[in-house]
Every structure is written in C-alpha cells, then in structure tokens.
Amino acid sequence: MAQPVAHPQASELVELGPKAFILDDPTLQLTFADIASYPDSKFRPSQQEKLNFGHTNSRIWLKFRLENTLPDPLFLLFMTQDVDYVDLYVVSETGAVTQQQSGVLRPFENRYFLTNTIVLPLGQRPRTAFLALRDDNILHFSVLLSTEQPIVSHLQKESLFNGAVMGLMLVMVVINLFVYGLVRDQVYLLYAAYITLSCLTFLSFEGLLYDLLWRSAPALNNGRLYLLVTAMTFGAAVWFSMNFLRTREFLPRFYRYFIGLLSLVVLTTILRLLDVPGLERTFYGLTLLGFVSLLVLGIRTYRQGYRPARYYLLAWSFYIAGAMTSVLGLLDILAFTHVWVVYGYQIGAACEATLLTLALADRLQTYQTEYQSAQQLALQRAGENEELLARTNKLLEEKLQYEHRQEPIPDDMRSLLRSMKEDRDRIRKIAIPTLDGMLLFPIGDITQLEAAGSYTTIYLSNQKTVLASRGLADFEHLCTEGESFFRTHKSHIVNLNHVVKYLRGEGGQVVLDDGSTVDVSRRSKPDLMKRLMGEE
C-alpha cells in the first residue's frame, strides 16, 4: 500500500494522523538507520485521526511522506504536552538527515519554541519525517503540520485561553480565602484548597508546571507528580462536597461510600507511584465513578430539602460534563476531535469555580437571612417579656397586699403566678454565637439542635433555623438537671416541651410539634422514657 503524501496549507493546520505509517518497537533497540531501511510493508497504516496507543512499553515509530510547495519552512505541532521522549528525524529532498530531540523528560532548552507545547522544525524541503515516541503513561496525541504563522497563532490563542482560565480560578481562590477570614467557615477554606489543587492539575496537564517552575528538572515530569496532583484534587473535591452538602448528617451511607472510594483511589495512586504498571485505566475509571457519584449525591441531598444543593448541582453539572468527556477521551471511548473533549476539563473547571463561588455566596446570604429571622423572633419575645414583667409586677403587688393583710392567696392567683413563671422560663435567653455575631435568643423557642460538623443547626418554633458557629458539645449545658432539653442522639438535642409523640423502635423516634422526627439512640432511650413519663 502506498503511503499518502501530506501537503501543507498556507494558513491551516493539517492533521497528520490519517497519513501516518506506524511501527512498534517492543525491543527498544531499533535505530533510525534500521527504521529508514525498512520498506513500507513493515509499517501499518494509521486508522485514527487522533493517535492513541494506550499504555504501551514499546517505542512507537511514525513515518510521514511530505511535499512542500510553499515558500516557508514547515513545522510539526504536538497537541499534547506529556510525551516523555520525542525524537524527530527529517530526510530532505537532497537526502540530508537532521535530528531534533524533545519531550518532557528532555531539557526544556531543547525545544525549538520555548513553550509548554512541543513544536518541531521540518525545514524548507522535507521529503520524509520519522517520529520516535516513548512514554510510560497513556500515549495519546495528535500531530499537526503547518508553516510558522498558523502555529504561532494557535499558541497565542492557547496561551490566552489558559491564562483566562487560570486567572478566573485564582480569583475564586482569593475570594473564598477572604470570606473564610471573615466568617471562619471551613467550607470556604476547603473550597479554596480544592480550587488551588485544580489549578495545579490544570497546569500539570497543560505542561505549564514544567514551563514555569522546573525547566532545569525534567525528571519531575515522569507522570507520577501529575497522578499525585490529580488524586489530591479528586480527594479535595469529594471532601469539599461532603462538607458543603453535609453528607455525614443527611446521607451517612453515602459518606461511608465516599470514604471507601477515596481509599481505593489512594491505594491505586500509591501502587502507581511504586511503578506498578497498567493502573492508569483503573485510576481514571475510579475518578469517573467518583464524578458520577458526586452528581448522584447532589441530587439525593437536594431531594432531602437542602437548599444550597441546587447550586451545587448546577455547578458540578458543568464540571462533571467537562471532566467526564476528558476522562472518556483518555479511555479512548470518545475521540479527541471536538473542542469540548480537548478542553472539556478546563471549561468545566472554570464554570464550576464561578458557579460554586456564587453558591457559597448564597450559603452566606442564607445564614444572614436565618440570623435576621431569628433576631426578629427574639425581638418579638423581648416585647412579650416586657408585657409579662408588667403583669408580673402587678400580681406581685396584689400578692404582697394579701400577705400584708394575712389573707390566703386565691387559687386563681396562684395558678396565674405559676403560668407566668413558666412564661419567664420560656422567654429566658441563651447566647448563640453565629457567623454574624452573638444572638440572644429565647430558650423556649428552640425545638431541637442538630450537629453540623464543627457547627450546630438550631431549629426554631417559627419553622426557621439558625447556624451556630459552635459544635453541639458547647450546648450540652442545656441538658443539665432542671432544663427541658435532652440529648436523644450523638447529633441531636431536643426540647422536650416540643415533643408530641414517641414512636417505638430499637431506639425509637420522637415527633416534635413542627412535624419533624428525631432518632433516639438505644443508650438514650431508658432515660428519655423516664423524662417523658415524668419520673425525673
């Protein structure tokens, strides 16, 4: 079969994948002289536009026949940044042979253009070009042929795109670190850490870490660092998601599932760092499963009634779509022929960073709204307290008059005094530290308290909630003798004055007057029954 000849276009990049002849060298012993002496029958024609050889230990030789009718010299542009070794041999029309070496494990100064993208010169009149490629990871790339100007234009556009994505993501990091400094909510810190790691993954994927940080240390580009950064980014994404969506409280089974998935990712990463071969597909398969699982987690949490989950779903839909297309491309399920597949991760990460920052801003606005609602209820109770004090003072004056005349106090007055004492207890205030400050709130209007990591969600009698910036353990004093609160579970404290029903079970459940149910642990059940029966 005669090999097709590649003809460059004046202002376009020509895809050379379909015009390649391929030869595998599993021995790694073949030289250029050996390869150049082989007839075309020794090579196999390419069937791919984007060349994908998967994980191979062979050296891959590519042969191209070229014919340049343009007055300008030609270049090859590699649409990948992570090939370990790239050797180019060019045979001119006169038979002269030139050699060029590049790759991420070669000195950066070897590159014709000092950019993260590999560009190889072919000269003015190349006749045949031979490429020898070797990589310890997945070998997946495309080769484009052009004169200098289209390649420079492409590199400029790529640099602008990468700079815009990086700039946007770094702005999101600064914003969330600033918010964390104001409110001390660890979710913002986790998100900043996740976005920072996403930036490192992006820089590593694009070969920019080699360009910007360690040009003199190509050994750092052996693929292990990229795998480690990717694994850390995936772990940060999962950990942030579980904290943002409060998975441990809403969906404990999902929490245990993600802990197991993270353990598998850590194990796979460690084995790959120890040079165990053939684990790339397993690693990318686990991350793909993780992306899908995070989307399911968002849907389930939203159905649980957690309002911020809808913003999470919107943001992660963009990110997961982009990341999944990139992973599917690396697994050779999708072809690298569309912009969304090639740049899917970058586009999805930029959209996700922006939308999740808006989601976190909404989270902060939600807390402020809850605080204002609780404050209004506290002010309402304060007005009621003033009226109660006026009536109490009047009754006390009448009581003193009865005692002064040594007359017995009427039963209706005694009953009224007891009722007012209960009202005073109900309006008695508790200090609740919040993200906005300290809220003095009537203790009787608290129906239950629920652990939310290092915070506590306090449910109020007006169907509202307020987030306290303290853990549940800081409210244990409400459960002391003489108080109406009881800890039914390690993550719940309920106000027994708002309990309307007990449901039987292993530990059982209590139903509150707002219709909500709270689990009771087996250990707490005997003491709770005594309190409900009035034995204590």
Protein backbone atom coordinates (compact mmCIF):
# COMPACT_ATOMS: atom_id res chain seq x y z
CA MET A 1 0.00 0.00 0.00
CA ALA A 2 1.48 3.35 -0.99
CA GLN A 3 1.68 5.84 1.85
CA PRO A 4 -0.34 9.05 1.33
CA VAL A 5 1.62 12.29 0.99
CA ALA A 6 0.89 15.20 3.32
CA HIS A 7 0.59 18.64 1.70
CA PRO A 8 0.67 21.73 3.99
CA GLN A 9 -1.86 24.53 3.64
CA ALA A 10 -0.84 28.19 3.70
CA SER A 11 -2.96 29.24 6.68
CA GLU A 12 -4.26 26.00 8.20
CA LEU A 13 -3.09 23.23 10.50
CA VAL A 14 -3.17 19.87 8.70
CA GLU A 15 -3.93 16.73 10.75
CA LEU A 16 -1.29 14.08 10.04
CA GLY A 17 -2.86 11.20 11.95
CA PRO A 18 -4.58 9.60 8.91
CA LYS A 19 -1.36 9.91 6.87
CA ALA A 20 0.90 8.13 9.36
CA PHE A 21 2.58 4.74 8.93
CA ILE A 22 3.20 3.04 12.28
CA LEU A 23 5.76 0.55 13.56
CA ASP A 24 6.05 -0.76 17.14
CA ASP A 25 9.48 -1.45 18.61
CA PRO A 26 8.97 -3.54 21.79
CA THR A 27 12.74 -4.25 21.98
CA LEU A 28 13.65 -0.53 22.13
CA GLN A 29 16.75 -1.47 20.11
CA LEU A 30 15.88 -0.25 16.61
CA THR A 31 17.82 2.78 15.40
CA PHE A 32 16.86 5.39 12.82
CA ALA A 33 19.10 3.65 10.29
CA ASP A 34 17.15 0.41 10.84
CA ILE A 35 13.78 2.11 10.50
CA ALA A 36 14.79 4.13 7.44
CA SER A 37 15.87 0.96 5.65
CA TYR A 38 12.51 -0.77 6.17
CA PRO A 39 10.06 -0.86 3.26
CA ASP A 40 6.52 0.48 3.71
CA SER A 41 5.25 -3.07 4.08
CA LYS A 42 6.91 -3.22 7.51
CA PHE A 43 4.64 -0.40 8.70
CA ARG A 44 0.91 -0.44 9.26
CA PRO A 45 -1.27 2.44 8.04
CA SER A 46 -2.99 4.59 10.64
CA GLN A 47 -6.74 4.27 11.11
CA GLN A 48 -7.01 7.21 13.52
CA GLU A 49 -7.19 10.96 13.20
CA LYS A 50 -6.03 11.39 16.81
CA LEU A 51 -3.36 8.81 17.54
CA ASN A 52 -3.98 6.74 20.66
CA PHE A 53 -1.67 3.86 21.60
CA GLY A 54 -2.90 3.47 25.18
CA HIS A 55 -0.42 2.24 27.76
CA THR A 56 2.50 0.69 25.87
CA ASN A 57 6.11 -0.13 26.75
CA SER A 58 7.15 -0.04 23.09
CA ARG A 59 8.81 2.77 21.22
CA ILE A 60 6.34 3.93 18.57
CA TRP A 61 7.78 4.94 15.20
CA LEU A 62 5.69 7.15 12.89
CA LYS A 63 6.59 7.73 9.26
CA PHE A 64 5.23 10.62 7.17
CA ARG A 65 5.78 11.46 3.50
CA LEU A 66 5.72 15.21 2.90
CA GLU A 67 5.68 17.56 -0.06
CA ASN A 68 6.05 21.29 0.50
CA THR A 69 5.08 23.62 -2.35
CA LEU A 70 5.02 26.67 -0.08
CA PRO A 71 7.94 29.13 0.21
CA ASP A 72 8.03 28.88 4.02
CA PRO A 73 9.61 26.14 6.17
CA LEU A 74 7.34 23.58 7.84
CA PHE A 75 6.81 22.58 11.47
CA LEU A 76 5.11 19.80 13.41
CA LEU A 77 2.85 20.80 16.31
CA PHE A 78 2.20 18.22 19.06
CA MET A 79 -1.27 18.52 20.59
CA THR A 80 -0.08 17.01 23.86
CA GLN A 81 2.41 18.06 26.50
CA ASP A 82 3.29 14.89 28.35
CA VAL A 83 5.14 12.56 25.93
CA ASP A 84 8.34 11.52 27.71
CA TYR A 85 10.65 11.20 24.69
CA VAL A 86 10.16 12.61 21.20
CA ASP A 87 12.83 12.11 18.50
CA LEU A 88 12.39 13.62 15.04
CA TYR A 89 14.44 12.58 12.02
CA VAL A 90 13.88 14.54 8.80
CA VAL A 91 15.13 13.40 5.39
CA SER A 92 15.25 16.31 2.92
CA GLU A 93 14.87 16.17 -0.86
CA THR A 94 18.66 16.10 -1.12
CA GLY A 95 18.89 13.11 1.24
CA ALA A 96 20.34 15.10 4.14
CA VAL A 97 19.18 13.95 7.61
CA THR A 98 18.54 16.30 10.54
CA GLN A 99 17.60 15.30 14.08
CA GLN A 100 15.63 17.09 16.81
CA GLN A 101 15.02 15.83 20.37
CA SER A 102 12.26 16.91 22.71
CA GLY A 103 9.80 15.58 25.30
CA VAL A 104 9.03 16.26 28.93
CA LEU A 105 11.96 14.17 30.18
CA ARG A 106 14.38 16.10 27.99
CA PRO A 107 15.86 19.54 28.84
CA PHE A 108 13.41 22.36 28.19
CA GLU A 109 16.10 24.28 26.26
CA ASN A 110 15.99 21.57 23.55
CA ARG A 111 12.66 22.90 22.33
CA TYR A 112 12.53 24.96 19.16
CA PHE A 113 9.90 27.24 20.71
CA LEU A 114 10.33 27.65 24.48
CA THR A 115 6.67 26.95 25.22
CA ASN A 116 4.78 24.20 27.01
CA THR A 117 3.56 22.87 23.65
CA ILE A 118 6.12 20.89 21.63
CA VAL A 119 6.91 22.31 18.17
CA LEU A 120 9.41 20.52 15.88
CA PRO A 121 11.07 22.08 12.76
CA LEU A 122 10.96 20.15 9.47
CA GLY A 123 12.89 22.57 7.27
CA GLN A 124 12.18 24.02 3.85
CA ARG A 125 12.01 20.88 1.69
CA PRO A 126 11.34 17.78 3.82
CA ARG A 127 10.64 14.56 1.97
CA THR A 128 10.17 12.05 4.81
CA ALA A 129 9.80 12.56 8.57
CA PHE A 130 10.27 9.85 11.21
CA LEU A 131 8.99 10.31 14.77
CA ALA A 132 10.11 8.01 17.60
CA LEU A 133 7.87 8.27 20.71
CA ARG A 134 8.20 6.69 24.11
CA ASP A 135 6.02 7.25 27.19
CA ASP A 136 5.41 5.31 30.42
CA ASN A 137 1.80 6.50 30.64
CA ILE A 138 -1.05 6.64 28.14
CA LEU A 139 0.30 7.72 24.73
CA HIS A 140 -2.48 9.83 23.25
CA PHE A 141 -1.82 12.80 20.96
CA SER A 142 -2.28 14.41 17.58
CA VAL A 143 0.32 15.79 15.16
CA LEU A 144 -0.39 18.88 13.05
CA LEU A 145 1.57 20.15 10.04
CA SER A 146 1.84 23.83 9.18
CA THR A 147 4.06 26.77 8.43
CA GLU A 148 5.19 29.01 11.28
CA GLN A 149 2.43 31.63 11.29
CA PRO A 150 -0.60 29.33 11.91
CA ILE A 151 1.33 27.58 14.70
CA VAL A 152 2.23 30.88 16.39
CA SER A 153 -1.40 31.99 16.10
CA HIS A 154 -2.55 28.71 17.66
CA LEU A 155 -0.04 29.01 20.53
CA GLN A 156 -1.17 32.59 21.21
CA LYS A 157 -4.84 31.57 21.37
CA GLU A 158 -3.98 28.63 23.61
CA SER A 159 -1.96 30.89 25.95
CA LEU A 160 -4.80 33.42 26.17
CA PHE A 161 -7.32 30.66 26.90
CA ASN A 162 -5.13 29.05 29.55
CA GLY A 163 -4.37 32.44 31.11
CA ALA A 164 -8.06 33.36 31.27
CA VAL A 165 -8.98 30.03 32.93
CA MET A 166 -6.12 30.28 35.43
CA GLY A 167 -6.86 33.91 36.24
CA LEU A 168 -10.54 33.17 36.87
CA MET A 169 -9.78 30.21 39.14
CA LEU A 170 -7.16 32.17 41.13
CA VAL A 171 -9.68 34.99 41.65
CA MET A 172 -12.10 32.42 43.06
CA VAL A 173 -9.38 31.20 45.45
CA VAL A 174 -8.71 34.74 46.72
CA ILE A 175 -12.44 35.46 47.17
CA ASN A 176 -13.06 32.29 49.18
CA LEU A 177 -9.98 32.79 51.34
CA PHE A 178 -11.20 36.32 52.08
CA VAL A 179 -14.66 35.04 53.02
CA TYR A 180 -13.09 32.35 55.22
CA GLY A 181 -11.10 35.04 57.02
CA LEU A 182 -14.36 36.87 57.75
CA VAL A 183 -16.67 34.03 58.80
CA ARG A 184 -14.25 31.22 59.73
CA ASP A 185 -16.46 28.65 57.96
CA GLN A 186 -14.21 25.73 56.99
CA VAL A 187 -16.22 25.00 53.84
CA TYR A 188 -14.74 28.13 52.24
CA LEU A 189 -11.23 27.00 53.17
CA LEU A 190 -11.87 23.52 51.75
CA TYR A 191 -13.14 25.05 48.55
CA ALA A 192 -10.11 27.33 48.24
CA ALA A 193 -7.86 24.28 48.73
CA TYR A 194 -9.81 22.34 46.10
CA ILE A 195 -9.60 25.15 43.53
CA THR A 196 -5.87 25.54 44.21
CA LEU A 197 -5.32 21.83 43.55
CA SER A 198 -7.50 22.09 40.43
CA CYS A 199 -5.19 24.86 39.21
CA LEU A 200 -2.16 22.62 39.81
CA THR A 201 -3.85 19.78 37.91
CA PHE A 202 -4.62 22.13 35.06
CA LEU A 203 -1.03 23.46 34.98
CA SER A 204 0.39 19.95 35.10
CA PHE A 205 -1.98 18.70 32.39
CA GLU A 206 -1.01 21.57 30.09
CA GLY A 207 2.72 21.16 30.78
CA LEU A 208 2.88 24.64 32.30
CA LEU A 209 4.45 23.48 35.57
CA TYR A 210 7.49 22.35 33.57
CA ASP A 211 7.49 25.66 31.70
CA LEU A 212 7.03 27.90 34.75
CA LEU A 213 8.61 26.11 37.71
CA TRP A 214 11.25 23.48 36.93
CA ARG A 215 12.74 23.85 33.47
CA SER A 216 16.03 22.57 34.84
CA ALA A 217 14.48 19.42 36.40
CA PRO A 218 12.75 17.38 33.66
CA ALA A 219 12.84 14.26 35.86
CA LEU A 220 9.85 15.72 37.76
CA ASN A 221 7.72 15.18 34.64
CA ASN A 222 7.69 11.38 34.90
CA GLY A 223 3.88 11.28 35.25
CA ARG A 224 3.86 10.39 38.93
CA LEU A 225 3.55 14.00 40.01
CA TYR A 226 0.58 14.56 37.70
CA LEU A 227 -1.07 11.41 39.00
CA LEU A 228 -0.49 12.52 42.60
CA VAL A 229 -1.86 16.02 41.99
CA THR A 230 -4.91 14.58 40.19
CA ALA A 231 -5.59 12.19 43.06
CA MET A 232 -5.28 15.02 45.61
CA THR A 233 -7.64 17.17 43.54
CA PHE A 234 -10.20 14.37 43.40
CA GLY A 235 -9.90 13.86 47.16
CA ALA A 236 -10.33 17.59 47.81
CA ALA A 237 -13.39 17.65 45.54
CA VAL A 238 -15.01 14.78 47.45
CA TRP A 239 -14.15 16.19 50.87
CA PHE A 240 -15.44 19.65 49.99
CA SER A 241 -18.63 18.18 48.52
CA MET A 242 -19.37 16.09 51.61
CA ASN A 243 -18.88 19.12 53.86
CA PHE A 244 -20.82 21.51 51.65
CA LEU A 245 -23.72 19.07 51.27
CA ARG A 246 -23.46 17.89 54.92
CA THR A 247 -23.38 14.29 53.73
CA ARG A 248 -22.50 12.88 57.14
CA GLU A 249 -25.76 14.24 58.59
CA PHE A 250 -28.13 13.88 55.62
CA LEU A 251 -26.84 10.71 53.92
CA PRO A 252 -24.47 8.74 56.20
CA ARG A 253 -24.41 5.76 53.82
CA PHE A 254 -23.10 7.98 51.03
CA TYR A 255 -20.48 9.29 53.46
CA ARG A 256 -19.21 5.77 54.11
CA TYR A 257 -19.32 5.01 50.36
CA PHE A 258 -17.13 8.01 49.52
CA ILE A 259 -14.68 7.14 52.28
CA GLY A 260 -14.32 3.69 50.67
CA LEU A 261 -13.94 5.21 47.19
CA LEU A 262 -11.26 7.60 48.41
CA SER A 263 -9.43 4.66 49.98
CA LEU A 264 -9.38 2.85 46.61
CA VAL A 265 -8.08 5.97 44.85
CA VAL A 266 -5.33 6.36 47.47
CA LEU A 267 -4.36 2.68 47.12
CA THR A 268 -4.27 2.90 43.31
CA THR A 269 -2.18 6.07 43.47
CA ILE A 270 0.33 4.55 45.88
CA LEU A 271 0.71 1.41 43.72
CA ARG A 272 1.27 3.53 40.60
CA LEU A 273 3.85 5.66 42.42
CA LEU A 274 5.61 2.38 43.24
CA ASP A 275 5.80 1.69 39.47
CA VAL A 276 3.10 -0.99 39.33
CA PRO A 277 2.16 -0.87 35.61
CA GLY A 278 -1.26 -0.80 33.96
CA LEU A 279 -3.16 1.13 36.64
CA GLU A 280 -3.94 4.29 34.65
CA ARG A 281 -7.25 2.95 33.35
CA THR A 282 -8.18 1.79 36.86
CA PHE A 283 -7.36 5.22 38.27
CA TYR A 284 -9.32 7.10 35.61
CA GLY A 285 -12.18 4.61 35.96
CA LEU A 286 -12.36 5.30 39.71
CA THR A 287 -12.35 9.06 39.15
CA LEU A 288 -15.08 8.67 36.52
CA LEU A 289 -17.14 6.69 39.04
CA GLY A 290 -16.47 9.41 41.60
CA PHE A 291 -17.73 12.16 39.27
CA VAL A 292 -20.97 10.29 38.64
CA SER A 293 -21.35 9.55 42.37
CA LEU A 294 -20.92 13.23 43.28
CA LEU A 295 -23.70 14.13 40.86
CA VAL A 296 -25.97 11.49 42.43
CA LEU A 297 -25.02 12.82 45.88
CA GLY A 298 -26.10 16.32 44.88
CA ILE A 299 -29.44 15.05 43.58
CA ARG A 300 -30.12 13.00 46.71
CA THR A 301 -29.17 15.89 49.01
CA TYR A 302 -31.41 18.26 47.08
CA ARG A 303 -34.31 15.84 47.48
CA GLN A 304 -33.62 15.87 51.21
CA GLY A 305 -34.63 19.55 51.12
CA TYR A 306 -31.16 21.09 51.47
CA ARG A 307 -31.45 24.35 49.51
CA PRO A 308 -27.77 25.01 48.60
CA ALA A 309 -27.64 21.61 46.84
CA ARG A 310 -29.37 23.04 43.77
CA TYR A 311 -26.47 25.43 43.17
CA TYR A 312 -24.05 22.57 43.70
CA LEU A 313 -25.88 20.52 41.06
CA LEU A 314 -25.73 23.36 38.55
CA ALA A 315 -22.01 23.97 39.12
CA TRP A 316 -21.00 20.33 39.16
CA SER A 317 -23.06 19.53 36.07
CA PHE A 318 -20.66 21.75 34.10
CA TYR A 319 -17.56 20.39 35.82
CA ILE A 320 -18.57 16.73 35.65
CA ALA A 321 -19.58 17.06 31.98
CA GLY A 322 -16.18 18.56 31.15
CA ALA A 323 -14.17 16.16 33.32
CA MET A 324 -16.09 13.11 32.11
CA THR A 325 -15.51 13.98 28.45
CA SER A 326 -11.78 14.36 29.11
CA VAL A 327 -11.64 11.07 31.02
CA LEU A 328 -13.67 9.28 28.34
CA GLY A 329 -11.24 10.65 25.79
CA LEU A 330 -8.28 9.32 27.78
CA LEU A 331 -10.03 5.95 27.96
CA ASP A 332 -10.46 6.14 24.17
CA ILE A 333 -14.25 5.98 24.45
CA LEU A 334 -14.65 9.45 22.90
CA ALA A 335 -12.43 10.74 20.10
CA PHE A 336 -10.35 13.88 20.65
CA THR A 337 -11.94 15.66 17.70
CA HIS A 338 -14.10 18.26 19.46
CA VAL A 339 -13.15 21.34 21.45
CA TRP A 340 -15.26 20.16 24.42
CA VAL A 341 -13.31 16.88 24.60
CA VAL A 342 -9.90 18.54 24.23
CA TYR A 343 -10.61 21.45 26.58
CA GLY A 344 -13.54 19.95 28.50
CA TYR A 345 -11.74 19.84 31.84
CA GLN A 346 -10.62 23.48 31.62
CA ILE A 347 -14.02 24.80 30.54
CA GLY A 348 -15.87 22.72 33.13
CA ALA A 349 -13.47 23.71 35.91
CA ALA A 350 -13.80 27.42 35.12
CA CYS A 351 -17.62 27.27 35.03
CA GLU A 352 -17.71 25.17 38.20
CA ALA A 353 -15.37 27.51 40.09
CA THR A 354 -17.55 30.51 39.24
CA LEU A 355 -20.90 28.86 40.00
CA LEU A 356 -19.75 27.27 43.25
CA THR A 357 -18.42 30.62 44.44
CA LEU A 358 -21.91 32.01 43.78
CA ALA A 359 -23.35 29.01 45.65
CA LEU A 360 -21.12 29.73 48.64
CA ALA A 361 -22.17 33.37 48.50
CA ASP A 362 -25.79 32.20 48.56
CA ARG A 363 -24.90 29.99 51.53
CA LEU A 364 -23.62 33.06 53.36
CA GLN A 365 -26.75 35.00 52.38
CA THR A 366 -28.88 32.11 53.66
CA TYR A 367 -27.13 32.27 57.04
CA GLN A 368 -27.68 36.03 57.22
CA THR A 369 -31.36 35.58 56.38
CA GLU A 370 -31.69 32.91 59.07
CA TYR A 371 -29.94 35.20 61.55
CA GLN A 372 -32.28 38.09 60.75
CA SER A 373 -35.33 35.82 61.06
CA ALA A 374 -34.14 34.55 64.43
CA GLN A 375 -33.39 38.10 65.52
CA GLN A 376 -36.94 39.19 64.66
CA LEU A 377 -38.34 36.34 66.75
CA ALA A 378 -36.01 37.33 69.60
CA LEU A 379 -37.24 40.95 69.40
CA GLN A 380 -40.85 39.74 69.39
CA ARG A 381 -40.17 37.70 72.52
CA ALA A 382 -38.46 40.69 74.11
CA GLY A 383 -41.65 42.73 73.67
CA GLU A 384 -43.68 39.89 75.13
CA ASN A 385 -41.25 39.77 78.03
CA GLU A 386 -41.81 43.43 78.81
CA GLU A 387 -45.58 42.90 78.91
CA LEU A 388 -45.08 39.83 81.09
CA LEU A 389 -42.91 41.77 83.54
CA ALA A 390 -45.56 44.50 83.84
CA ARG A 391 -48.27 41.93 84.58
CA THR A 392 -45.99 40.06 86.96
CA ASN A 393 -45.21 43.23 88.91
CA LYS A 394 -48.90 43.98 89.22
CA LEU A 395 -49.64 40.45 90.50
CA LEU A 396 -46.76 40.62 92.96
CA GLU A 397 -48.16 43.86 94.36
CA GLU A 398 -51.53 42.18 94.85
CA LYS A 399 -49.80 39.15 96.42
CA LEU A 400 -47.96 41.41 98.85
CA GLN A 401 -51.23 43.09 99.79
CA TYR A 402 -52.78 39.68 100.60
CA GLU A 403 -49.74 38.72 102.63
CA HIS A 404 -49.79 42.09 104.43
CA ARG A 405 -53.44 41.54 105.37
CA GLN A 406 -52.53 37.92 106.27
CA GLU A 407 -55.21 36.65 103.94
CA PRO A 408 -54.85 33.42 101.92
CA ILE A 409 -53.86 33.87 98.24
CA PRO A 410 -56.69 32.85 95.91
CA ASP A 411 -56.15 29.70 93.83
CA ASP A 412 -56.63 31.55 90.56
CA MET A 413 -53.83 33.94 91.52
CA ARG A 414 -51.55 31.03 92.41
CA SER A 415 -52.31 29.43 89.05
CA LEU A 416 -51.61 32.69 87.25
CA LEU A 417 -48.29 33.12 89.07
CA ARG A 418 -47.23 29.61 88.11
CA SER A 419 -48.18 30.29 84.49
CA MET A 420 -46.13 33.47 84.47
CA LYS A 421 -43.15 31.63 85.93
CA GLU A 422 -43.36 29.16 83.05
CA ASP A 423 -43.59 32.09 80.61
CA ARG A 424 -40.48 33.64 82.17
CA ASP A 425 -38.64 30.35 81.76
CA ARG A 426 -39.73 30.17 78.15
CA ILE A 427 -38.55 33.68 77.38
CA ARG A 428 -35.26 33.17 79.24
CA LYS A 429 -32.50 33.78 76.73
CA ILE A 430 -29.47 31.82 75.61
CA ALA A 431 -26.42 33.24 73.86
CA ILE A 432 -25.98 31.72 70.37
CA PRO A 433 -22.68 32.53 68.60
CA THR A 434 -23.29 32.87 64.84
CA LEU A 435 -21.25 33.81 61.79
CA ASP A 436 -22.55 37.38 62.14
CA GLY A 437 -22.09 37.81 65.89
CA MET A 438 -23.82 36.81 69.12
CA LEU A 439 -27.59 36.29 69.16
CA LEU A 440 -29.51 36.36 72.46
CA PHE A 441 -32.43 34.06 71.82
CA PRO A 442 -35.40 32.81 73.92
CA ILE A 443 -34.57 29.30 75.00
CA GLY A 444 -38.20 28.13 74.87
CA ASP A 445 -38.41 28.79 71.13
CA ILE A 446 -35.66 26.30 70.37
CA THR A 447 -37.22 22.99 69.28
CA GLN A 448 -34.04 21.00 68.57
CA LEU A 449 -30.31 21.30 67.94
CA GLU A 450 -28.52 19.25 65.28
CA ALA A 451 -24.78 18.71 64.86
CA ALA A 452 -23.37 20.04 61.56
CA GLY A 453 -19.68 19.20 61.76
CA SER A 454 -17.99 21.88 63.84
CA TYR A 455 -21.24 23.90 63.74
CA THR A 456 -24.75 23.40 65.10
CA THR A 457 -28.06 23.93 63.32
CA ILE A 458 -30.66 25.30 65.74
CA TYR A 459 -34.32 24.79 64.81
CA LEU A 460 -36.81 27.41 65.97
CA SER A 461 -40.52 27.33 66.71
CA ASN A 462 -41.30 29.57 63.71
CA GLN A 463 -40.07 26.86 61.28
CA LYS A 464 -36.78 28.72 60.78
CA THR A 465 -33.20 27.69 61.53
CA VAL A 466 -30.02 29.47 62.56
CA LEU A 467 -26.47 28.17 62.26
CA ALA A 468 -24.40 28.46 65.42
CA SER A 469 -20.64 28.67 64.96
CA ARG A 470 -20.05 26.19 67.79
CA GLY A 471 -20.27 22.42 67.96
CA LEU A 472 -23.13 20.56 69.62
CA ALA A 473 -20.96 19.81 72.67
CA ASP A 474 -20.99 23.53 73.53
CA PHE A 475 -24.75 23.29 74.11
CA GLU A 476 -24.60 20.30 76.47
CA HIS A 477 -25.35 22.64 79.39
CA LEU A 478 -28.96 22.79 78.14
CA CYS A 479 -29.36 19.14 79.18
CA THR A 480 -28.49 19.67 82.84
CA GLU A 481 -30.95 18.93 85.62
CA GLY A 482 -33.91 21.27 85.69
CA GLU A 483 -33.74 22.05 81.99
CA SER A 484 -36.23 20.80 79.39
CA PHE A 485 -33.63 19.63 76.86
CA PHE A 486 -32.48 16.06 76.27
CA ARG A 487 -29.76 14.58 74.04
CA THR A 488 -31.51 11.83 72.12
CA HIS A 489 -28.61 11.01 69.85
CA LYS A 490 -24.96 11.95 69.36
CA SER A 491 -26.05 14.52 66.77
CA HIS A 492 -29.36 15.75 68.28
CA ILE A 493 -30.64 17.62 71.33
CA VAL A 494 -34.41 18.15 71.56
CA ASN A 495 -36.60 20.40 73.68
CA LEU A 496 -38.98 18.02 75.46
CA ASN A 497 -41.59 20.78 75.71
CA HIS A 498 -41.99 20.48 71.93
CA VAL A 499 -42.23 16.66 71.86
CA VAL A 500 -45.75 15.48 70.99
CA LYS A 501 -45.23 11.76 70.35
CA TYR A 502 -42.81 8.88 70.81
CA LEU A 503 -42.53 6.19 68.10
CA ARG A 504 -41.44 2.71 69.14
CA GLY A 505 -38.37 1.08 67.64
CA GLU A 506 -34.90 -0.19 68.53
CA GLY A 507 -34.15 3.24 69.87
CA GLY A 508 -37.31 4.84 68.63
CA GLN A 509 -38.06 8.33 67.45
CA VAL A 510 -39.66 11.44 68.92
CA VAL A 511 -42.07 13.60 66.93
CA LEU A 512 -41.95 17.35 67.52
CA ASP A 513 -44.82 19.80 67.23
CA ASP A 514 -43.41 21.11 63.92
CA GLY A 515 -43.88 17.63 62.39
CA SER A 516 -40.18 16.68 62.33
CA THR A 517 -38.88 13.38 63.73
CA VAL A 518 -35.63 12.80 65.59
CA ASP A 519 -33.92 9.45 66.11
CA VAL A 520 -33.31 8.17 69.64
CA SER A 521 -30.26 6.00 70.35
CA ARG A 522 -30.63 2.74 72.26
CA ARG A 523 -28.44 4.08 75.04
CA SER A 524 -30.55 7.23 75.46
CA LYS A 525 -33.95 5.51 75.29
CA PRO A 526 -34.32 4.48 79.01
CA ASP A 527 -33.51 7.98 80.31
CA LEU A 528 -35.76 9.58 77.72
CA MET A 529 -38.71 7.41 78.74
CA LYS A 530 -38.22 8.44 82.37
CA ARG A 531 -38.25 12.11 81.39
CA LEU A 532 -41.33 11.71 79.22
CA MET A 533 -43.13 9.78 81.98
CA GLY A 534 -42.25 12.50 84.47
CA GLU A 535 -40.16 10.21 86.68
CA GLU A 536 -37.35 12.74 86.88
